[in-house]
């Protein structure tokens, strides 16, 4: 039994590591987009709602900015 499980735990921890890396990259992209929107003059309160909407998604900073601008224009 132990031999059967020996290699399986490494695979699970590796998958979790890759998932957390992907989430970190997505968060970096979202942060970059939020900083760009702040630099354009949008208020932090407006961006807080948008950040919450995009949390857990995986897009590029450019895609976040485009989508955010569309949302901000609609009101």
PDB file of N, CA and C in Angstrom:
ATOM      1  N   UNK A   1       0.810  -1.203   0.000  1.00  0.00           N
ATOM      2  CA  UNK A   1       0.000   0.000   0.000  1.00  0.00           C
ATOM      3  C   UNK A   1       0.850   1.263   0.000  1.00  0.00           C
ATOM      4  N   UNK A   2       1.838   1.308   0.813  1.00  0.00           N
ATOM      5  CA  UNK A   2       2.677   2.494   0.893  1.00  0.00           C
ATOM      6  C   UNK A   2       3.359   2.752  -0.441  1.00  0.00           C
ATOM      7  N   UNK A   3       3.811   1.709  -1.087  1.00  0.00           N
ATOM      8  CA  UNK A   3       4.473   1.871  -2.376  1.00  0.00           C
ATOM      9  C   UNK A   3       3.520   2.409  -3.433  1.00  0.00           C
ATOM     10  N   UNK A   4       2.266   2.008  -3.368  1.00  0.00           N
ATOM     11  CA  UNK A   4       1.283   2.489  -4.332  1.00  0.00           C
ATOM     12  C   UNK A   4       1.019   3.985  -4.174  1.00  0.00           C
ATOM     13  N   UNK A   5       1.111   4.497  -2.973  1.00  0.00           N
ATOM     14  CA  UNK A   5       0.809   5.901  -2.706  1.00  0.00           C
ATOM     15  C   UNK A   5       2.042   6.801  -2.783  1.00  0.00           C
ATOM     16  N   UNK A   6       3.215   6.205  -2.864  1.00  0.00           N
ATOM     17  CA  UNK A   6       4.459   6.969  -2.780  1.00  0.00           C
ATOM     18  C   UNK A   6       4.530   8.105  -3.798  1.00  0.00           C
ATOM     19  N   UNK A   7       4.234   7.881  -5.036  1.00  0.00           N
ATOM     20  CA  UNK A   7       4.362   8.919  -6.048  1.00  0.00           C
ATOM     21  C   UNK A   7       3.160   9.829  -6.170  1.00  0.00           C
ATOM     22  N   UNK A   8       2.064   9.481  -5.597  1.00  0.00           N
ATOM     23  CA  UNK A   8       0.820  10.228  -5.781  1.00  0.00           C
ATOM     24  C   UNK A   8       0.799  11.545  -5.013  1.00  0.00           C
ATOM     25  N   UNK A   9       1.408  11.589  -3.847  1.00  0.00           N
ATOM     26  CA  UNK A   9       1.387  12.813  -3.055  1.00  0.00           C
ATOM     27  C   UNK A   9       2.218  13.913  -3.696  1.00  0.00           C
ATOM     28  N   UNK A  10       3.294  13.558  -4.331  1.00  0.00           N
ATOM     29  CA  UNK A  10       4.122  14.553  -5.006  1.00  0.00           C
ATOM     30  C   UNK A  10       3.338  15.192  -6.145  1.00  0.00           C
ATOM     31  N   UNK A  11       2.562  14.400  -6.871  1.00  0.00           N
ATOM     32  CA  UNK A  11       1.766  14.932  -7.971  1.00  0.00           C
ATOM     33  C   UNK A  11       0.722  15.924  -7.474  1.00  0.00           C
ATOM     34  N   UNK A  12       0.071  15.607  -6.365  1.00  0.00           N
ATOM     35  CA  UNK A  12      -0.960  16.487  -5.812  1.00  0.00           C
ATOM     36  C   UNK A  12      -0.346  17.796  -5.344  1.00  0.00           C
ATOM     37  N   UNK A  13       0.785  17.725  -4.652  1.00  0.00           N
ATOM     38  CA  UNK A  13       1.409  18.958  -4.172  1.00  0.00           C
ATOM     39  C   UNK A  13       1.932  19.789  -5.335  1.00  0.00           C
ATOM     40  N   UNK A  14       2.381  19.137  -6.395  1.00  0.00           N
ATOM     41  CA  UNK A  14       2.855  19.864  -7.562  1.00  0.00           C
ATOM     42  C   UNK A  14       1.696  20.588  -8.243  1.00  0.00           C
ATOM     43  N   UNK A  15       0.541  19.939  -8.336  1.00  0.00           N
ATOM     44  CA  UNK A  15      -0.637  20.563  -8.931  1.00  0.00           C
ATOM     45  C   UNK A  15      -1.075  21.771  -8.118  1.00  0.00           C
ATOM     46  N   UNK A  16      -1.050  21.633  -6.791  1.00  0.00           N
ATOM     47  CA  UNK A  16      -1.419  22.760  -5.926  1.00  0.00           C
ATOM     48  C   UNK A  16      -0.442  23.915  -6.101  1.00  0.00           C
ATOM     49  N   UNK A  17       0.824  23.606  -6.263  1.00  0.00           N
ATOM     50  CA  UNK A  17       1.832  24.638  -6.467  1.00  0.00           C
ATOM     51  C   UNK A  17       1.615  25.385  -7.765  1.00  0.00           C
ATOM     52  N   UNK A  18       1.291  24.651  -8.820  1.00  0.00           N
ATOM     53  CA  UNK A  18       1.025  25.288 -10.112  1.00  0.00           C
ATOM     54  C   UNK A  18      -0.218  26.157 -10.054  1.00  0.00           C
ATOM     55  N   UNK A  19      -1.233  25.696  -9.349  1.00  0.00           N
ATOM     56  CA  UNK A  19      -2.464  26.475  -9.216  1.00  0.00           C
ATOM     57  C   UNK A  19      -2.200  27.768  -8.455  1.00  0.00           C
ATOM     58  N   UNK A  20      -1.402  27.689  -7.399  1.00  0.00           N
ATOM     59  CA  UNK A  20      -1.118  28.898  -6.627  1.00  0.00           C
ATOM     60  C   UNK A  20      -0.245  29.864  -7.421  1.00  0.00           C
ATOM     61  N   UNK A  21       0.658  29.337  -8.261  1.00  0.00           N
ATOM     62  CA  UNK A  21       1.464  30.210  -9.114  1.00  0.00           C
ATOM     63  C   UNK A  21       0.592  30.919 -10.136  1.00  0.00           C
ATOM     64  N   UNK A  22      -0.348  30.200 -10.725  1.00  0.00           N
ATOM     65  CA  UNK A  22      -1.253  30.802 -11.704  1.00  0.00           C
ATOM     66  C   UNK A  22      -2.095  31.886 -11.051  1.00  0.00           C
ATOM     67  N   UNK A  23      -2.540  31.639  -9.821  1.00  0.00           N
ATOM     68  CA  UNK A  23      -3.338  32.629  -9.102  1.00  0.00           C
ATOM     69  C   UNK A  23      -2.504  33.874  -8.795  1.00  0.00           C
ATOM     70  N   UNK A  24      -1.238  33.673  -8.426  1.00  0.00           N
ATOM     71  CA  UNK A  24      -0.360  34.804  -8.131  1.00  0.00           C
ATOM     72  C   UNK A  24      -0.137  35.656  -9.373  1.00  0.00           C
ATOM     73  N   UNK A  25       0.057  35.012 -10.519  1.00  0.00           N
ATOM     74  CA  UNK A  25       0.249  35.751 -11.768  1.00  0.00           C
ATOM     75  C   UNK A  25      -1.013  36.525 -12.113  1.00  0.00           C
ATOM     76  N   UNK A  26      -2.172  35.883 -11.944  1.00  0.00           N
ATOM     77  CA  UNK A  26      -3.439  36.561 -12.226  1.00  0.00           C
ATOM     78  C   UNK A  26      -3.605  37.768 -11.311  1.00  0.00           C
ATOM     79  N   UNK A  27      -3.244  37.606 -10.039  1.00  0.00           N
ATOM     80  CA  UNK A  27      -3.345  38.726  -9.102  1.00  0.00           C
ATOM     81  C   UNK A  27      -2.405  39.856  -9.498  1.00  0.00           C
ATOM     82  N   UNK A  28      -1.213  39.516  -9.985  1.00  0.00           N
ATOM     83  CA  UNK A  28      -0.279  40.547 -10.435  1.00  0.00           C
ATOM     84  C   UNK A  28      -0.864  41.315 -11.614  1.00  0.00           C
ATOM     85  N   UNK A  29      -1.485  40.605 -12.531  1.00  0.00           N
ATOM     86  CA  UNK A  29      -2.083  41.238 -13.695  1.00  0.00           C
ATOM     87  C   UNK A  29      -3.238  42.145 -13.281  1.00  0.00           C
ATOM     88  N   UNK A  30      -4.044  41.679 -12.341  1.00  0.00           N
ATOM     89  CA  UNK A  30      -5.164  42.480 -11.849  1.00  0.00           C
ATOM     90  C   UNK A  30      -4.650  43.720 -11.125  1.00  0.00           C
ATOM     91  N   UNK A  31      -3.617  43.559 -10.314  1.00  0.00           N
ATOM     92  CA  UNK A  31      -3.030  44.702  -9.609  1.00  0.00           C
ATOM     93  C   UNK A  31      -2.474  45.725 -10.596  1.00  0.00           C
ATOM     94  N   UNK A  32      -1.814  45.236 -11.629  1.00  0.00           N
ATOM     95  CA  UNK A  32      -1.261  46.130 -12.643  1.00  0.00           C
ATOM     96  C   UNK A  32      -2.374  46.924 -13.326  1.00  0.00           C
ATOM     97  N   UNK A  33      -3.462  46.255 -13.630  1.00  0.00           N
ATOM     98  CA  UNK A  33      -4.598  46.922 -14.270  1.00  0.00           C
ATOM     99  C   UNK A  33      -5.208  47.969 -13.341  1.00  0.00           C
ATOM    100  N   UNK A  34      -5.354  47.638 -12.061  1.00  0.00           N
ATOM    101  CA  UNK A  34      -5.937  48.582 -11.108  1.00  0.00           C
ATOM    102  C   UNK A  34      -5.044  49.809 -10.943  1.00  0.00           C
ATOM    103  N   UNK A  35      -3.732  49.593 -10.921  1.00  0.00           N
ATOM    104  CA  UNK A  35      -2.802  50.720 -10.819  1.00  0.00           C
ATOM    105  C   UNK A  35      -2.898  51.621 -12.046  1.00  0.00           C
ATOM    106  N   UNK A  36      -3.045  51.017 -13.217  1.00  0.00           N
ATOM    107  CA  UNK A  36      -3.180  51.799 -14.451  1.00  0.00           C
ATOM    108  C   UNK A  36      -4.458  52.628 -14.422  1.00  0.00           C
ATOM    109  N   UNK A  37      -5.538  52.046 -13.941  1.00  0.00           N
ATOM    110  CA  UNK A  37      -6.812  52.770 -13.875  1.00  0.00           C
ATOM    111  C   UNK A  37      -6.753  53.897 -12.847  1.00  0.00           C
ATOM    112  N   UNK A  38      -6.045  53.664 -11.746  1.00  0.00           N
ATOM    113  CA  UNK A  38      -5.842  54.738 -10.764  1.00  0.00           C
ATOM    114  C   UNK A  38      -5.052  55.881 -11.398  1.00  0.00           C
ATOM    115  N   UNK A  39      -4.036  55.532 -12.180  1.00  0.00           N
ATOM    116  CA  UNK A  39      -3.222  56.548 -12.848  1.00  0.00           C
ATOM    117  C   UNK A  39      -4.044  57.346 -13.858  1.00  0.00           C
ATOM    118  N   UNK A  40      -5.073  56.720 -14.413  1.00  0.00           N
ATOM    119  CA  UNK A  40      -5.960  57.415 -15.354  1.00  0.00           C
ATOM    120  C   UNK A  40      -6.955  58.330 -14.648  1.00  0.00           C
ATOM    121  N   UNK A  41      -6.998  58.254 -13.317  1.00  0.00           N
ATOM    122  CA  UNK A  41      -7.849  59.162 -12.566  1.00  0.00           C
ATOM    123  C   UNK A  41      -9.113  58.554 -11.983  1.00  0.00           C
ATOM    124  N   UNK A  42      -9.291  57.255 -12.124  1.00  0.00           N
ATOM    125  CA  UNK A  42     -10.472  56.619 -11.531  1.00  0.00           C
ATOM    126  C   UNK A  42     -10.281  56.503 -10.025  1.00  0.00           C
ATOM    127  N   UNK A  43     -11.366  56.599  -9.295  1.00  0.00           N
ATOM    128  CA  UNK A  43     -11.340  56.573  -7.832  1.00  0.00           C
ATOM    129  C   UNK A  43     -11.181  55.142  -7.314  1.00  0.00           C
ATOM    130  N   UNK A  44     -10.510  55.024  -6.177  1.00  0.00           N
ATOM    131  CA  UNK A  44     -10.284  53.720  -5.564  1.00  0.00           C
ATOM    132  C   UNK A  44     -11.602  53.036  -5.217  1.00  0.00           C
ATOM    133  N   UNK A  45     -12.601  53.810  -4.821  1.00  0.00           N
ATOM    134  CA  UNK A  45     -13.910  53.234  -4.473  1.00  0.00           C
ATOM    135  C   UNK A  45     -14.558  52.572  -5.689  1.00  0.00           C
ATOM    136  N   UNK A  46     -14.415  53.198  -6.862  1.00  0.00           N
ATOM    137  CA  UNK A  46     -14.958  52.616  -8.092  1.00  0.00           C
ATOM    138  C   UNK A  46     -14.234  51.316  -8.434  1.00  0.00           C
ATOM    139  N   UNK A  47     -12.925  51.343  -8.256  1.00  0.00           N
ATOM    140  CA  UNK A  47     -12.108  50.197  -8.634  1.00  0.00           C
ATOM    141  C   UNK A  47     -12.244  49.034  -7.662  1.00  0.00           C
ATOM    142  N   UNK A  48     -12.655  49.332  -6.432  1.00  0.00           N
ATOM    143  CA  UNK A  48     -12.837  48.269  -5.445  1.00  0.00           C
ATOM    144  C   UNK A  48     -13.903  47.284  -5.917  1.00  0.00           C
ATOM    145  N   UNK A  49     -14.994  47.807  -6.464  1.00  0.00           N
ATOM    146  CA  UNK A  49     -16.070  46.951  -6.975  1.00  0.00           C
ATOM    147  C   UNK A  49     -15.587  46.118  -8.156  1.00  0.00           C
ATOM    148  N   UNK A  50     -14.816  46.742  -9.014  1.00  0.00           N
ATOM    149  CA  UNK A  50     -14.311  46.048 -10.198  1.00  0.00           C
ATOM    150  C   UNK A  50     -13.320  44.964  -9.794  1.00  0.00           C
ATOM    151  N   UNK A  51     -12.442  45.275  -8.840  1.00  0.00           N
ATOM    152  CA  UNK A  51     -11.466  44.285  -8.370  1.00  0.00           C
ATOM    153  C   UNK A  51     -12.189  43.056  -7.816  1.00  0.00           C
ATOM    154  N   UNK A  52     -13.228  43.303  -7.033  1.00  0.00           N
ATOM    155  CA  UNK A  52     -13.998  42.206  -6.449  1.00  0.00           C
ATOM    156  C   UNK A  52     -14.635  41.353  -7.546  1.00  0.00           C
ATOM    157  N   UNK A  53     -15.133  41.999  -8.599  1.00  0.00           N
ATOM    158  CA  UNK A  53     -15.757  41.296  -9.717  1.00  0.00           C
ATOM    159  C   UNK A  53     -14.760  40.370 -10.413  1.00  0.00           C
ATOM    160  N   UNK A  54     -13.517  40.824 -10.570  1.00  0.00           N
ATOM    161  CA  UNK A  54     -12.521  40.064 -11.317  1.00  0.00           C
ATOM    162  C   UNK A  54     -11.714  39.086 -10.472  1.00  0.00           C
ATOM    163  N   UNK A  55     -11.826  39.125  -9.159  1.00  0.00           N
ATOM    164  CA  UNK A  55     -11.055  38.206  -8.328  1.00  0.00           C
ATOM    165  C   UNK A  55     -11.369  36.767  -8.707  1.00  0.00           C
ATOM    166  N   UNK A  56     -10.316  35.973  -8.812  1.00  0.00           N
ATOM    167  CA  UNK A  56     -10.482  34.571  -9.170  1.00  0.00           C
ATOM    168  C   UNK A  56     -10.452  34.317 -10.666  1.00  0.00           C
ATOM    169  N   UNK A  57     -10.358  35.380 -11.456  1.00  0.00           N
ATOM    170  CA  UNK A  57     -10.271  35.204 -12.905  1.00  0.00           C
ATOM    171  C   UNK A  57      -8.810  35.253 -13.332  1.00  0.00           C
ATOM    172  N   UNK A  58      -8.550  34.824 -14.534  1.00  0.00           N
ATOM    173  CA  UNK A  58      -7.180  34.772 -15.034  1.00  0.00           C
ATOM    174  C   UNK A  58      -7.129  35.436 -16.403  1.00  0.00           C
ATOM    175  N   UNK A  59      -6.832  36.721 -16.420  1.00  0.00           N
ATOM    176  CA  UNK A  59      -6.764  37.498 -17.654  1.00  0.00           C
ATOM    177  C   UNK A  59      -5.440  38.253 -17.683  1.00  0.00           C
ATOM    178  N   UNK A  60      -5.157  38.874 -18.801  1.00  0.00           N
ATOM    179  CA  UNK A  60      -3.986  39.748 -18.879  1.00  0.00           C
ATOM    180  C   UNK A  60      -4.380  41.122 -18.344  1.00  0.00           C
ATOM    181  N   UNK A  61      -3.383  41.916 -18.017  1.00  0.00           N
ATOM    182  CA  UNK A  61      -3.656  43.268 -17.520  1.00  0.00           C
ATOM    183  C   UNK A  61      -4.434  44.061 -18.566  1.00  0.00           C
ATOM    184  N   UNK A  62      -4.072  43.884 -19.826  1.00  0.00           N
ATOM    185  CA  UNK A  62      -4.761  44.598 -20.902  1.00  0.00           C
ATOM    186  C   UNK A  62      -6.240  44.219 -20.958  1.00  0.00           C
ATOM    187  N   UNK A  63      -6.526  42.935 -20.802  1.00  0.00           N
ATOM    188  CA  UNK A  63      -7.922  42.486 -20.826  1.00  0.00           C
ATOM    189  C   UNK A  63      -8.690  43.025 -19.628  1.00  0.00           C
ATOM    190  N   UNK A  64      -8.043  43.043 -18.461  1.00  0.00           N
ATOM    191  CA  UNK A  64      -8.683  43.605 -17.273  1.00  0.00           C
ATOM    192  C   UNK A  64      -9.002  45.083 -17.488  1.00  0.00           C
ATOM    193  N   UNK A  65      -8.062  45.807 -18.072  1.00  0.00           N
ATOM    194  CA  UNK A  65      -8.268  47.241 -18.291  1.00  0.00           C
ATOM    195  C   UNK A  65      -9.417  47.479 -19.259  1.00  0.00           C
ATOM    196  N   UNK A  66      -9.417  46.755 -20.368  1.00  0.00           N
ATOM    197  CA  UNK A  66     -10.494  46.919 -21.359  1.00  0.00           C
ATOM    198  C   UNK A  66     -11.857  46.624 -20.745  1.00  0.00           C
ATOM    199  N   UNK A  67     -11.946  45.507 -20.041  1.00  0.00           N
ATOM    200  CA  UNK A  67     -13.223  45.129 -19.426  1.00  0.00           C
ATOM    201  C   UNK A  67     -13.638  46.130 -18.359  1.00  0.00           C
ATOM    202  N   UNK A  68     -12.672  46.596 -17.585  1.00  0.00           N
ATOM    203  CA  UNK A  68     -12.963  47.569 -16.529  1.00  0.00           C
ATOM    204  C   UNK A  68     -13.468  48.876 -17.112  1.00  0.00           C
ATOM    205  N   UNK A  69     -12.838  49.335 -18.175  1.00  0.00           N
ATOM    206  CA  UNK A  69     -13.274  50.580 -18.810  1.00  0.00           C
ATOM    207  C   UNK A  69     -14.691  50.455 -19.354  1.00  0.00           C
ATOM    208  N   UNK A  70     -15.013  49.304 -19.918  1.00  0.00           N
ATOM    209  CA  UNK A  70     -16.382  49.084 -20.402  1.00  0.00           C
ATOM    210  C   UNK A  70     -17.372  49.154 -19.246  1.00  0.00           C
ATOM    211  N   UNK A  71     -17.008  48.529 -18.119  1.00  0.00           N
ATOM    212  CA  UNK A  71     -17.889  48.535 -16.951  1.00  0.00           C
ATOM    213  C   UNK A  71     -18.046  49.951 -16.399  1.00  0.00           C
ATOM    214  N   UNK A  72     -16.955  50.691 -16.353  1.00  0.00           N
ATOM    215  CA  UNK A  72     -17.002  52.053 -15.821  1.00  0.00           C
ATOM    216  C   UNK A  72     -17.807  52.984 -16.721  1.00  0.00           C
ATOM    217  N   UNK A  73     -17.755  52.765 -18.016  1.00  0.00           N
ATOM    218  CA  UNK A  73     -18.503  53.610 -18.949  1.00  0.00           C
ATOM    219  C   UNK A  73     -20.006  53.350 -18.863  1.00  0.00           C
ATOM    220  N   UNK A  74     -20.381  52.105 -18.556  1.00  0.00           N
ATOM    221  CA  UNK A  74     -21.800  51.772 -18.428  1.00  0.00           C
ATOM    222  C   UNK A  74     -22.378  52.307 -17.125  1.00  0.00           C
ATOM    223  N   UNK A  75     -21.489  52.482 -16.158  1.00  0.00           N
ATOM    224  CA  UNK A  75     -21.947  53.037 -14.888  1.00  0.00           C
ATOM    225  C   UNK A  75     -22.350  51.990 -13.979  1.00  0.00           C
TER     226      UNK A  75
END
